[in-house]
C-alpha atoms as a PDB file:
ATOM      1  CA  MET A   1       9.558 -15.209   5.806  1.00  0.00           C
ATOM      2  CA  ASN A   2       8.034 -14.300   2.439  1.00  0.00           C
ATOM      3  CA  GLU A   3       9.840 -14.176  -0.894  1.00  0.00           C
ATOM      4  CA  ALA A   4      10.362 -10.415  -0.812  1.00  0.00           C
ATOM      5  CA  GLN A   5      12.031 -10.666   2.584  1.00  0.00           C
ATOM      6  CA  ARG A   6      14.293 -13.459   1.335  1.00  0.00           C
ATOM      7  CA  GLN A   7      15.346 -11.345  -1.621  1.00  0.00           C
ATOM      8  CA  GLU A   8      16.246  -8.457   0.677  1.00  0.00           C
ATOM      9  CA  ARG A   9      18.304 -10.495   3.152  1.00  0.00           C
ATOM     10  CA  THR A  10      21.861  -9.171   3.099  1.00  0.00           C
ATOM     11  CA  GLY A  11      25.279 -10.773   3.324  1.00  0.00           C
ATOM     12  CA  ASN A  12      28.823  -9.509   3.775  1.00  0.00           C
ATOM     13  CA  ILE A  13      30.630 -10.293   0.523  1.00  0.00           C
ATOM     14  CA  PHE A  14      34.269  -9.651  -0.326  1.00  0.00           C
ATOM     15  CA  ASP A  15      34.395 -10.923  -3.898  1.00  0.00           C
ATOM     16  CA  ILE A  16      32.342 -12.286  -6.785  1.00  0.00           C
ATOM     17  CA  GLN A  17      34.287 -14.144  -9.464  1.00  0.00           C
ATOM     18  CA  ARG A  18      32.715 -15.038 -12.778  1.00  0.00           C
ATOM     19  CA  TRP A  19      33.853 -17.713 -15.207  1.00  0.00           C
ATOM     20  CA  SER A  20      35.405 -19.974 -12.585  1.00  0.00           C
ATOM     21  CA  LEU A  21      36.368 -23.491 -13.667  1.00  0.00           C
ATOM     22  CA  HIS A  22      37.707 -24.838 -10.364  1.00  0.00           C
ATOM     23  CA  ASP A  23      34.871 -24.438  -7.889  1.00  0.00           C
ATOM     24  CA  GLY A  24      32.396 -27.012  -9.087  1.00  0.00           C
ATOM     25  CA  PRO A  25      31.368 -28.489 -12.447  1.00  0.00           C
ATOM     26  CA  GLY A  26      30.999 -26.316 -15.503  1.00  0.00           C
ATOM     27  CA  ILE A  27      31.490 -22.572 -15.655  1.00  0.00           C
ATOM     28  CA  ARG A  28      30.477 -21.019 -12.359  1.00  0.00           C
ATOM     29  CA  THR A  29      30.101 -17.728 -10.567  1.00  0.00           C
ATOM     30  CA  VAL A  30      31.716 -17.904  -7.134  1.00  0.00           C
ATOM     31  CA  VAL A  31      30.412 -15.682  -4.346  1.00  0.00           C
ATOM     32  CA  PHE A  32      32.894 -15.270  -1.488  1.00  0.00           C
ATOM     33  CA  LEU A  33      31.356 -14.549   1.929  1.00  0.00           C
ATOM     34  CA  LYS A  34      33.275 -12.862   4.712  1.00  0.00           C
ATOM     35  CA  GLY A  35      33.849 -14.474   8.090  1.00  0.00           C
ATOM     36  CA  CYS A  36      35.413 -17.775   9.124  1.00  0.00           C
ATOM     37  CA  PRO A  37      35.833 -19.479  12.520  1.00  0.00           C
ATOM     38  CA  LEU A  38      39.042 -21.196  11.353  1.00  0.00           C
ATOM     39  CA  ARG A  39      42.480 -19.599  11.135  1.00  0.00           C
ATOM     40  CA  CYS A  40      44.354 -21.912   8.793  1.00  0.00           C
ATOM     41  CA  ARG A  41      48.032 -21.042   8.579  1.00  0.00           C
ATOM     42  CA  TRP A  42      47.981 -21.405   4.792  1.00  0.00           C
ATOM     43  CA  CYS A  43      44.778 -19.416   4.202  1.00  0.00           C
ATOM     44  CA  SER A  44      44.899 -17.787   0.766  1.00  0.00           C
ATOM     45  CA  ASN A  45      42.052 -15.367   1.561  1.00  0.00           C
ATOM     46  CA  PRO A  46      43.108 -13.612   4.785  1.00  0.00           C
ATOM     47  CA  GLU A  47      40.650 -10.811   4.028  1.00  0.00           C
ATOM     48  CA  SER A  48      37.863 -13.374   4.504  1.00  0.00           C
ATOM     49  CA  GLN A  49      38.625 -14.295   8.088  1.00  0.00           C
ATOM     50  CA  GLU A  50      36.942 -11.567  10.146  1.00  0.00           C
ATOM     51  CA  PHE A  51      33.203 -11.140   9.757  1.00  0.00           C
ATOM     52  CA  TYR A  52      33.339  -7.375  10.220  1.00  0.00           C
ATOM     53  CA  ASN A  53      34.470  -5.179   7.371  1.00  0.00           C
ATOM     54  CA  GLU A  54      38.098  -4.101   7.201  1.00  0.00           C
ATOM     55  CA  LEU A  55      40.188  -1.492   5.471  1.00  0.00           C
ATOM     56  CA  ALA A  56      42.470  -2.706   2.687  1.00  0.00           C
ATOM     57  CA  PHE A  57      45.507  -0.648   1.696  1.00  0.00           C
ATOM     58  CA  PHE A  58      47.054  -1.386  -1.706  1.00  0.00           C
ATOM     59  CA  LYS A  59      50.409   0.304  -1.366  1.00  0.00           C
ATOM     60  CA  ASP A  60      51.295   0.046  -5.050  1.00  0.00           C
ATOM     61  CA  LYS A  61      48.223   2.124  -5.976  1.00  0.00           C
ATOM     62  CA  CYS A  62      48.909   4.963  -3.537  1.00  0.00           C
ATOM     63  CA  ILE A  63      49.721   8.278  -5.271  1.00  0.00           C
ATOM     64  CA  SER A  64      50.757   9.988  -2.015  1.00  0.00           C
ATOM     65  CA  CYS A  65      48.056  12.646  -2.126  1.00  0.00           C
ATOM     66  CA  PHE A  66      47.548  12.116   1.627  1.00  0.00           C
ATOM     67  CA  ARG A  67      43.857  13.045   1.507  1.00  0.00           C
ATOM     68  CA  CYS A  68      43.210  10.010   3.685  1.00  0.00           C
ATOM     69  CA  VAL A  69      45.172  11.597   6.532  1.00  0.00           C
ATOM     70  CA  ASP A  70      42.857  14.605   6.561  1.00  0.00           C
ATOM     71  CA  ASN A  71      39.718  12.461   6.193  1.00  0.00           C
ATOM     72  CA  CYS A  72      40.411  10.074   9.067  1.00  0.00           C
ATOM     73  CA  PRO A  73      38.656  11.513  12.146  1.00  0.00           C
ATOM     74  CA  TYR A  74      40.507   9.172  14.502  1.00  0.00           C
ATOM     75  CA  ASP A  75      44.143   9.958  13.599  1.00  0.00           C
ATOM     76  CA  ALA A  76      44.703   6.335  12.576  1.00  0.00           C
ATOM     77  CA  ILE A  77      46.601   7.370   9.438  1.00  0.00           C
ATOM     78  CA  SER A  78      49.875   9.265   9.404  1.00  0.00           C
ATOM     79  CA  VAL A  79      52.761   9.935   7.056  1.00  0.00           C
ATOM     80  CA  ILE A  80      56.089   8.365   7.912  1.00  0.00           C
ATOM     81  CA  ASP A  81      59.071   8.779   5.574  1.00  0.00           C
ATOM     82  CA  GLU A  82      56.727  10.179   2.912  1.00  0.00           C
ATOM     83  CA  ALA A  83      54.553   7.049   2.984  1.00  0.00           C
ATOM     84  CA  ILE A  84      51.152   6.211   4.467  1.00  0.00           C
ATOM     85  CA  SER A  85      51.179   4.392   7.811  1.00  0.00           C
ATOM     86  CA  ILE A  86      47.978   2.943   9.295  1.00  0.00           C
ATOM     87  CA  ASP A  87      47.524   2.176  12.981  1.00  0.00           C
ATOM     88  CA  ARG A  88      44.988  -0.618  12.627  1.00  0.00           C
ATOM     89  CA  SER A  89      44.563  -0.926  16.388  1.00  0.00           C
ATOM     90  CA  ILE A  90      42.771   2.431  16.180  1.00  0.00           C
ATOM     91  CA  CYS A  91      40.674   1.201  13.226  1.00  0.00           C
ATOM     92  CA  GLU A  92      39.619  -1.807  15.290  1.00  0.00           C
ATOM     93  CA  LYS A  93      38.449   0.381  18.176  1.00  0.00           C
ATOM     94  CA  THR A  94      36.590   2.834  15.936  1.00  0.00           C
ATOM     95  CA  CYS A  95      35.426   1.968  12.418  1.00  0.00           C
ATOM     96  CA  TYR A  96      35.522  -1.818  12.824  1.00  0.00           C
ATOM     97  CA  ALA A  97      33.866  -1.697  16.245  1.00  0.00           C
ATOM     98  CA  LYS A  98      31.056   0.440  14.831  1.00  0.00           C
ATOM     99  CA  GLY A  99      30.421  -2.080  12.072  1.00  0.00           C
ATOM    100  CA  LEU A 100      31.019   0.459   9.325  1.00  0.00           C
ATOM    101  CA  HIS A 101      30.979  -0.692   5.725  1.00  0.00           C
ATOM    102  CA  GLU A 102      32.366   2.558   4.366  1.00  0.00           C
ATOM    103  CA  PHE A 103      35.335   4.274   5.954  1.00  0.00           C
ATOM    104  CA  PRO A 104      35.918   8.063   6.084  1.00  0.00           C
ATOM    105  CA  CYS A 105      39.512   7.723   4.879  1.00  0.00           C
ATOM    106  CA  THR A 106      38.397   6.213   1.561  1.00  0.00           C
ATOM    107  CA  ARG A 107      36.095   9.051   0.503  1.00  0.00           C
ATOM    108  CA  GLU A 108      38.714  11.004  -1.424  1.00  0.00           C
ATOM    109  CA  CYS A 109      41.104   8.162  -2.278  1.00  0.00           C
ATOM    110  CA  TYR A 110      40.735   8.545  -6.011  1.00  0.00           C
ATOM    111  CA  SER A 111      43.346   5.901  -6.827  1.00  0.00           C
ATOM    112  CA  GLN A 112      41.419   3.370  -4.668  1.00  0.00           C
ATOM    113  CA  ALA A 113      44.551   2.516  -2.743  1.00  0.00           C
ATOM    114  CA  LEU A 114      42.325   2.504   0.340  1.00  0.00           C
ATOM    115  CA  ARG A 115      38.996   0.726   0.143  1.00  0.00           C
ATOM    116  CA  PRO A 116      36.729  -1.536   2.204  1.00  0.00           C
ATOM    117  CA  VAL A 117      37.390  -5.268   1.877  1.00  0.00           C
ATOM    118  CA  ALA A 118      33.720  -6.196   1.624  1.00  0.00           C
ATOM    119  CA  ASN A 119      30.317  -4.949   0.557  1.00  0.00           C
ATOM    120  CA  VAL A 120      26.871  -5.577   1.980  1.00  0.00           C
ATOM    121  CA  MET A 121      24.685  -7.033  -0.752  1.00  0.00           C
ATOM    122  CA  SER A 122      21.166  -8.400  -0.818  1.00  0.00           C
ATOM    123  CA  VAL A 123      20.239 -11.769  -2.315  1.00  0.00           C
ATOM    124  CA  GLN A 124      18.618  -9.877  -5.152  1.00  0.00           C
ATOM    125  CA  ASP A 125      21.796  -7.843  -5.789  1.00  0.00           C
ATOM    126  CA  VAL A 126      23.959 -10.957  -5.881  1.00  0.00           C
ATOM    127  CA  MET A 127      21.583 -12.815  -8.178  1.00  0.00           C
ATOM    128  CA  LYS A 128      21.725  -9.934 -10.648  1.00  0.00           C
ATOM    129  CA  GLN A 129      25.465 -10.568 -10.896  1.00  0.00           C
ATOM    130  CA  VAL A 130      25.076 -14.340 -11.023  1.00  0.00           C
ATOM    131  CA  MET A 131      22.454 -14.245 -13.759  1.00  0.00           C
ATOM    132  CA  LYS A 132      24.676 -12.251 -16.108  1.00  0.00           C
ATOM    133  CA  ASP A 133      26.023 -15.643 -17.211  1.00  0.00           C
ATOM    134  CA  GLU A 134      22.702 -17.489 -17.249  1.00  0.00           C
ATOM    135  CA  LEU A 135      23.127 -18.487 -20.896  1.00  0.00           C
ATOM    136  CA  ILE A 136      26.576 -19.963 -20.173  1.00  0.00           C
ATOM    137  CA  TYR A 137      25.216 -22.045 -17.281  1.00  0.00           C
ATOM    138  CA  ARG A 138      22.463 -23.461 -19.439  1.00  0.00           C
ATOM    139  CA  GLN A 139      24.778 -24.253 -22.327  1.00  0.00           C
ATOM    140  CA  SER A 140      27.160 -26.156 -20.041  1.00  0.00           C
ATOM    141  CA  GLU A 141      24.148 -27.777 -18.263  1.00  0.00           C
ATOM    142  CA  VAL A 142      26.076 -28.074 -14.986  1.00  0.00           C
ATOM    143  CA  GLY A 143      27.404 -24.527 -14.500  1.00  0.00           C
ATOM    144  CA  GLY A 144      25.926 -22.227 -11.901  1.00  0.00           C
ATOM    145  CA  LEU A 145      26.478 -20.657  -8.497  1.00  0.00           C
ATOM    146  CA  THR A 146      29.138 -21.615  -5.937  1.00  0.00           C
ATOM    147  CA  VAL A 147      29.241 -20.037  -2.480  1.00  0.00           C
ATOM    148  CA  SER A 148      32.652 -19.997  -0.833  1.00  0.00           C
ATOM    149  CA  GLY A 149      34.507 -17.874   1.686  1.00  0.00           C
ATOM    150  CA  GLY A 150      35.582 -17.524   4.334  1.00  0.00           C
ATOM    151  CA  GLU A 151      33.032 -19.979   5.627  1.00  0.00           C
ATOM    152  CA  PRO A 152      29.581 -19.844   3.965  1.00  0.00           C
ATOM    153  CA  LEU A 153      27.971 -21.484   6.976  1.00  0.00           C
ATOM    154  CA  TYR A 154      29.064 -18.478   9.036  1.00  0.00           C
ATOM    155  CA  GLN A 155      26.312 -16.635   7.109  1.00  0.00           C
ATOM    156  CA  ALA A 156      24.021 -19.635   6.805  1.00  0.00           C
ATOM    157  CA  LYS A 157      20.681 -17.861   6.395  1.00  0.00           C
ATOM    158  CA  PHE A 158      22.022 -15.657   3.613  1.00  0.00           C
ATOM    159  CA  THR A 159      23.633 -18.690   1.957  1.00  0.00           C
ATOM    160  CA  ARG A 160      20.353 -20.609   2.177  1.00  0.00           C
ATOM    161  CA  ASP A 161      18.316 -17.763   0.690  1.00  0.00           C
ATOM    162  CA  LEU A 162      20.861 -17.264  -2.083  1.00  0.00           C
ATOM    163  CA  PHE A 163      20.636 -20.967  -2.944  1.00  0.00           C
ATOM    164  CA  ILE A 164      16.831 -20.835  -2.899  1.00  0.00           C
ATOM    165  CA  ALA A 165      16.941 -17.948  -5.364  1.00  0.00           C
ATOM    166  CA  ALA A 166      19.383 -19.838  -7.593  1.00  0.00           C
ATOM    167  CA  LYS A 167      17.249 -22.979  -7.584  1.00  0.00           C
ATOM    168  CA  LYS A 168      14.181 -20.928  -8.517  1.00  0.00           C
ATOM    169  CA  ALA A 169      16.196 -19.506 -11.415  1.00  0.00           C
ATOM    170  CA  GLY A 170      16.979 -23.049 -12.553  1.00  0.00           C
ATOM    171  CA  ILE A 171      20.736 -23.024 -11.989  1.00  0.00           C
ATOM    172  CA  THR A 172      22.838 -25.476  -9.992  1.00  0.00           C
ATOM    173  CA  THR A 173      24.319 -24.713  -6.598  1.00  0.00           C
ATOM    174  CA  ALA A 174      27.568 -25.665  -4.879  1.00  0.00           C
ATOM    175  CA  ILE A 175      29.143 -24.889  -1.527  1.00  0.00           C
ATOM    176  CA  GLU A 176      32.755 -24.952  -0.350  1.00  0.00           C
ATOM    177  CA  THR A 177      32.873 -25.389   3.416  1.00  0.00           C
ATOM    178  CA  SER A 178      35.000 -26.641   6.281  1.00  0.00           C
ATOM    179  CA  GLY A 179      31.912 -28.208   7.839  1.00  0.00           C
ATOM    180  CA  TYR A 180      32.669 -26.358  11.063  1.00  0.00           C
ATOM    181  CA  ALA A 181      29.107 -25.552  12.133  1.00  0.00           C
ATOM    182  CA  THR A 182      26.268 -27.015  14.158  1.00  0.00           C
ATOM    183  CA  TRP A 183      24.218 -29.692  12.454  1.00  0.00           C
ATOM    184  CA  GLU A 184      21.158 -27.430  12.746  1.00  0.00           C
ATOM    185  CA  THR A 185      23.029 -24.792  10.718  1.00  0.00           C
ATOM    186  CA  ILE A 186      24.033 -27.299   8.036  1.00  0.00           C
ATOM    187  CA  GLU A 187      20.461 -28.599   7.828  1.00  0.00           C
ATOM    188  CA  GLU A 188      19.324 -25.121   6.829  1.00  0.00           C
ATOM    189  CA  VAL A 189      21.288 -25.192   3.577  1.00  0.00           C
ATOM    190  CA  LEU A 190      21.577 -28.892   2.666  1.00  0.00           C
ATOM    191  CA  PRO A 191      18.262 -29.227   0.778  1.00  0.00           C
ATOM    192  CA  TYR A 192      19.320 -26.524  -1.675  1.00  0.00           C
ATOM    193  CA  ILE A 193      22.807 -27.787  -2.549  1.00  0.00           C
ATOM    194  CA  ASP A 194      23.645 -29.835  -5.658  1.00  0.00           C
ATOM    195  CA  TYR A 195      27.419 -30.113  -5.134  1.00  0.00           C
ATOM    196  CA  PHE A 196      28.909 -30.261  -1.650  1.00  0.00           C
ATOM    197  CA  PHE A 197      32.665 -29.650  -1.271  1.00  0.00           C
ATOM    198  CA  LEU A 198      33.982 -30.420   2.215  1.00  0.00           C
ATOM    199  CA  ASP A 199      37.529 -29.477   3.228  1.00  0.00           C
ATOM    200  CA  LEU A 200      39.324 -31.774   5.656  1.00  0.00           C
ATOM    201  CA  LYS A 201      42.501 -30.131   6.956  1.00  0.00           C
ATOM    202  CA  THR A 202      43.934 -32.848   9.204  1.00  0.00           C
ATOM    203  CA  TYR A 203      42.677 -35.967  10.962  1.00  0.00           C
ATOM    204  CA  ASP A 204      44.692 -35.506  14.133  1.00  0.00           C
ATOM    205  CA  ASP A 205      42.794 -33.080  16.355  1.00  0.00           C
ATOM    206  CA  THR A 206      45.941 -31.715  17.999  1.00  0.00           C
ATOM    207  CA  LEU A 207      47.325 -30.812  14.585  1.00  0.00           C
ATOM    208  CA  HIS A 208      44.004 -29.269  13.582  1.00  0.00           C
ATOM    209  CA  VAL A 209      44.043 -27.005  16.632  1.00  0.00           C
ATOM    210  CA  LYS A 210      47.665 -26.117  15.913  1.00  0.00           C
ATOM    211  CA  TYR A 211      47.217 -25.379  12.214  1.00  0.00           C
ATOM    212  CA  ALA A 212      43.587 -24.244  11.946  1.00  0.00           C
ATOM    213  CA  GLY A 213      42.965 -22.816  15.406  1.00  0.00           C
ATOM    214  CA  VAL A 214      39.973 -25.002  16.341  1.00  0.00           C
ATOM    215  CA  SER A 215      39.151 -28.628  17.106  1.00  0.00           C
ATOM    216  CA  ASN A 216      38.000 -30.789  14.193  1.00  0.00           C
ATOM    217  CA  GLN A 217      35.605 -32.909  16.264  1.00  0.00           C
ATOM    218  CA  ILE A 218      32.428 -31.259  14.983  1.00  0.00           C
ATOM    219  CA  ILE A 219      33.664 -31.555  11.382  1.00  0.00           C
ATOM    220  CA  TYR A 220      34.133 -35.315  11.626  1.00  0.00           C
ATOM    221  CA  GLU A 221      30.769 -35.652  13.353  1.00  0.00           C
ATOM    222  CA  ASN A 222      29.030 -33.712  10.580  1.00  0.00           C
ATOM    223  CA  ALA A 223      30.730 -35.374   7.604  1.00  0.00           C
ATOM    224  CA  PRO A 224      28.924 -38.763   7.749  1.00  0.00           C
ATOM    225  CA  ARG A 225      25.559 -37.052   8.205  1.00  0.00           C
ATOM    226  CA  ILE A 226      26.223 -34.771   5.252  1.00  0.00           C
ATOM    227  CA  SER A 227      27.330 -37.751   3.161  1.00  0.00           C
ATOM    228  CA  ALA A 228      24.203 -39.732   4.022  1.00  0.00           C
ATOM    229  CA  PHE A 229      21.911 -36.824   3.140  1.00  0.00           C
ATOM    230  CA  VAL A 230      23.717 -36.142  -0.140  1.00  0.00           C
ATOM    231  CA  ALA A 231      23.612 -39.814  -1.178  1.00  0.00           C
ATOM    232  CA  GLU A 232      19.945 -40.207  -0.226  1.00  0.00           C
ATOM    233  CA  HIS A 233      18.942 -37.196  -2.321  1.00  0.00           C
ATOM    234  CA  GLY A 234      21.089 -37.995  -5.362  1.00  0.00           C
ATOM    235  CA  LYS A 235      23.476 -35.065  -4.916  1.00  0.00           C
ATOM    236  CA  THR A 236      27.262 -34.999  -5.206  1.00  0.00           C
ATOM    237  CA  MET A 237      29.901 -34.733  -2.461  1.00  0.00           C
ATOM    238  CA  THR A 238      33.640 -34.200  -2.796  1.00  0.00           C
ATOM    239  CA  VAL A 239      36.139 -34.160   0.048  1.00  0.00           C
ATOM    240  CA  ARG A 240      39.019 -31.777  -0.560  1.00  0.00           C
ATOM    241  CA  ILE A 241      42.272 -32.217   1.331  1.00  0.00           C
ATOM    242  CA  PRO A 242      44.867 -29.424   1.269  1.00  0.00           C
ATOM    243  CA  VAL A 243      48.404 -30.770   1.103  1.00  0.00           C
ATOM    244  CA  ILE A 244      50.802 -28.311   2.733  1.00  0.00           C
ATOM    245  CA  PRO A 245      54.620 -28.654   2.935  1.00  0.00           C
ATOM    246  CA  ASP A 246      55.899 -29.074   6.519  1.00  0.00           C
ATOM    247  CA  HIS A 247      52.302 -29.495   7.723  1.00  0.00           C
ATOM    248  CA  THR A 248      50.591 -32.422   5.948  1.00  0.00           C
ATOM    249  CA  GLU A 249      51.994 -35.712   7.189  1.00  0.00           C
ATOM    250  CA  LEU A 250      51.501 -38.761   4.969  1.00  0.00           C
ATOM    251  CA  GLU A 251      50.130 -40.882   7.819  1.00  0.00           C
ATOM    252  CA  ASP A 252      47.618 -38.199   8.736  1.00  0.00           C
ATOM    253  CA  PHE A 253      46.660 -37.923   5.061  1.00  0.00           C
ATOM    254  CA  LYS A 254      46.049 -41.687   5.007  1.00  0.00           C
ATOM    255  CA  ALA A 255      43.940 -41.384   8.163  1.00  0.00           C
ATOM    256  CA  MET A 256      41.672 -38.888   6.382  1.00  0.00           C
ATOM    257  CA  LEU A 257      41.361 -41.221   3.390  1.00  0.00           C
ATOM    258  CA  ASN A 258      40.516 -44.119   5.708  1.00  0.00           C
ATOM    259  CA  PHE A 259      37.831 -41.984   7.342  1.00  0.00           C
ATOM    260  CA  VAL A 260      36.261 -41.212   3.971  1.00  0.00           C
ATOM    261  CA  LYS A 261      36.437 -44.878   2.932  1.00  0.00           C
ATOM    262  CA  GLU A 262      34.955 -46.206   6.149  1.00  0.00           C
ATOM    263  CA  LYS A 263      32.520 -43.521   7.296  1.00  0.00           C
ATOM    264  CA  LEU A 264      31.218 -41.780   4.167  1.00  0.00           C
ATOM    265  CA  ASP A 265      29.096 -43.019   1.294  1.00  0.00           C
ATOM    266  CA  SER A 266      30.914 -44.898  -1.461  1.00  0.00           C
ATOM    267  CA  SER A 267      29.920 -42.231  -3.986  1.00  0.00           C
ATOM    268  CA  VAL A 268      32.080 -39.568  -2.315  1.00  0.00           C
ATOM    269  CA  THR A 269      35.048 -38.393  -4.374  1.00  0.00           C
ATOM    270  CA  VAL A 270      38.337 -37.063  -2.988  1.00  0.00           C
ATOM    271  CA  GLU A 271      40.504 -34.274  -4.357  1.00  0.00           C
ATOM    272  CA  ILE A 272      43.947 -33.021  -3.354  1.00  0.00           C
ATOM    273  CA  MET A 273      44.353 -29.260  -3.040  1.00  0.00           C
ATOM    274  CA  ALA A 274      48.045 -28.499  -3.537  1.00  0.00           C
ATOM    275  CA  TYR A 275      49.559 -25.610  -1.605  1.00  0.00           C
ATOM    276  CA  HIS A 276      50.120 -22.416  -3.581  1.00  0.00           C
ATOM    277  CA  ARG A 277      51.442 -18.958  -2.761  1.00  0.00           C
ATOM    278  CA  LEU A 278      48.903 -16.868  -4.666  1.00  0.00           C
ATOM    279  CA  GLY A 279      47.413 -15.239  -1.584  1.00  0.00           C
ATOM    280  CA  ARG A 280      50.532 -14.429   0.372  1.00  0.00           C
ATOM    281  CA  ASN A 281      50.724 -10.764  -0.670  1.00  0.00           C
ATOM    282  CA  LYS A 282      47.135 -10.189   0.460  1.00  0.00           C
ATOM    283  CA  TYR A 283      48.183 -10.320   4.104  1.00  0.00           C
ATOM    284  CA  ALA A 284      50.006  -6.995   3.994  1.00  0.00           C
ATOM    285  CA  ASP A 285      46.980  -5.395   2.292  1.00  0.00           C
ATOM    286  CA  VAL A 286      44.879  -5.977   5.423  1.00  0.00           C
ATOM    287  CA  GLY A 287      47.688  -5.412   7.926  1.00  0.00           C
ATOM    288  CA  MET A 288      48.378  -9.060   8.685  1.00  0.00           C
ATOM    289  CA  GLU A 289      51.596 -11.058   8.759  1.00  0.00           C
ATOM    290  CA  TYR A 290      51.790 -14.317   6.809  1.00  0.00           C
ATOM    291  CA  GLU A 291      53.883 -16.746   8.801  1.00  0.00           C
ATOM    292  CA  LEU A 292      54.290 -19.092   5.806  1.00  0.00           C
ATOM    293  CA  PHE A 293      55.472 -16.316   3.473  1.00  0.00           C
ATOM    294  CA  ASP A 294      58.708 -18.116   2.574  1.00  0.00           C
ATOM    295  CA  LEU A 295      57.211 -21.614   2.389  1.00  0.00           C
ATOM    296  CA  GLU A 296      57.875 -23.239  -0.994  1.00  0.00           C
ATOM    297  CA  PRO A 297      55.253 -25.474  -2.683  1.00  0.00           C
ATOM    298  CA  PHE A 298      55.939 -29.190  -2.971  1.00  0.00           C
ATOM    299  CA  ARG A 299      58.166 -30.270  -5.802  1.00  0.00           C
ATOM    300  CA  LYS A 300      56.480 -32.477  -8.397  1.00  0.00           C
ATOM    301  CA  GLU A 301      57.928 -35.703  -7.033  1.00  0.00           C
ATOM    302  CA  GLU A 302      56.932 -34.766  -3.473  1.00  0.00           C
ATOM    303  CA  ILE A 303      53.277 -34.082  -4.271  1.00  0.00           C
ATOM    304  CA  GLN A 304      53.161 -37.218  -6.424  1.00  0.00           C
ATOM    305  CA  VAL A 305      53.492 -39.349  -3.285  1.00  0.00           C
ATOM    306  CA  PHE A 306      50.129 -38.016  -2.106  1.00  0.00           C
ATOM    307  CA  HIS A 307      48.509 -38.505  -5.501  1.00  0.00           C
ATOM    308  CA  ASP A 308      49.761 -42.095  -5.659  1.00  0.00           C
ATOM    309  CA  THR A 309      48.454 -42.746  -2.160  1.00  0.00           C
ATOM    310  CA  LEU A 310      45.062 -41.317  -3.093  1.00  0.00           C
ATOM    311  CA  ALA A 311      44.930 -43.430  -6.269  1.00  0.00           C
ATOM    312  CA  SER A 312      45.545 -46.590  -4.226  1.00  0.00           C
ATOM    313  CA  TYR A 313      42.206 -46.094  -2.460  1.00  0.00           C
ATOM    314  CA  SER A 314      40.235 -46.295  -5.719  1.00  0.00           C
ATOM    315  CA  PHE A 315      37.708 -43.604  -4.905  1.00  0.00           C
ATOM    316  CA  PRO A 316      35.221 -42.713  -7.656  1.00  0.00           C
ATOM    317  CA  SER A 317      36.594 -40.426 -10.356  1.00  0.00           C
ATOM    318  CA  LEU A 318      35.924 -36.705 -10.146  1.00  0.00           C
END
């Protein structure tokens, strides 16, 4: 594949956030790719889960013009009690099944209450957005591009080509991933990554299936190989562990720390990702139910137990 073809490769993207301070070192632009094989109960980006595009309905923006009802050719939208009602089972059989990226019902929604979740963008299109902050990256020396999701490895070739373009532009690259992919897939992107962030959800496989929907076996097989590659090539790796009330058990948390200590390179750092509720209202926007809607975050003294446990392992500082 030549350079022009790489630049034209497209990905399914649901968000691009500039000026991020939490997704790698320095000031970064984070590109969020759609599609993920995991179904974590606490997912804060439910709109990222399906690879195909979806219709988002932002109820608070609806001005009740009902143009969408007339523009839907499949009768998926109706008016009930003077409010829009969407039968998403019809959307799934029609627009979603056809792989549409623009939906008929959105054409005259001038308030943008209805709009597609994602956009198809080429590597070149994304890099135009990323390079808007080129001066900031260079001033901070470590800022740059982070690819997140969803699961970036679900669109591995696009992720690879985006990283290649970033490296050619002289900016650093980072990935946030669950590591749930074949080793051949991971090998495609590894040479172009400066900062590797790997999420470990649980150590116990039964719990992983229960809470994330898939086995964690491939993740724990990949992690040592990723760590070895990163260490050999002078890159940086951080393991991130989400700590979720009623889900993260202290003994399982310790088992993950023991795995990192015993199986990964000594340069690997570990970070706790505390549960938050920022994404819970997104579920209704895409017609999903959030089963943890009423779950409260840990109190300060409760989360401190995990921080103290982590500190006792004396991992390198972030």
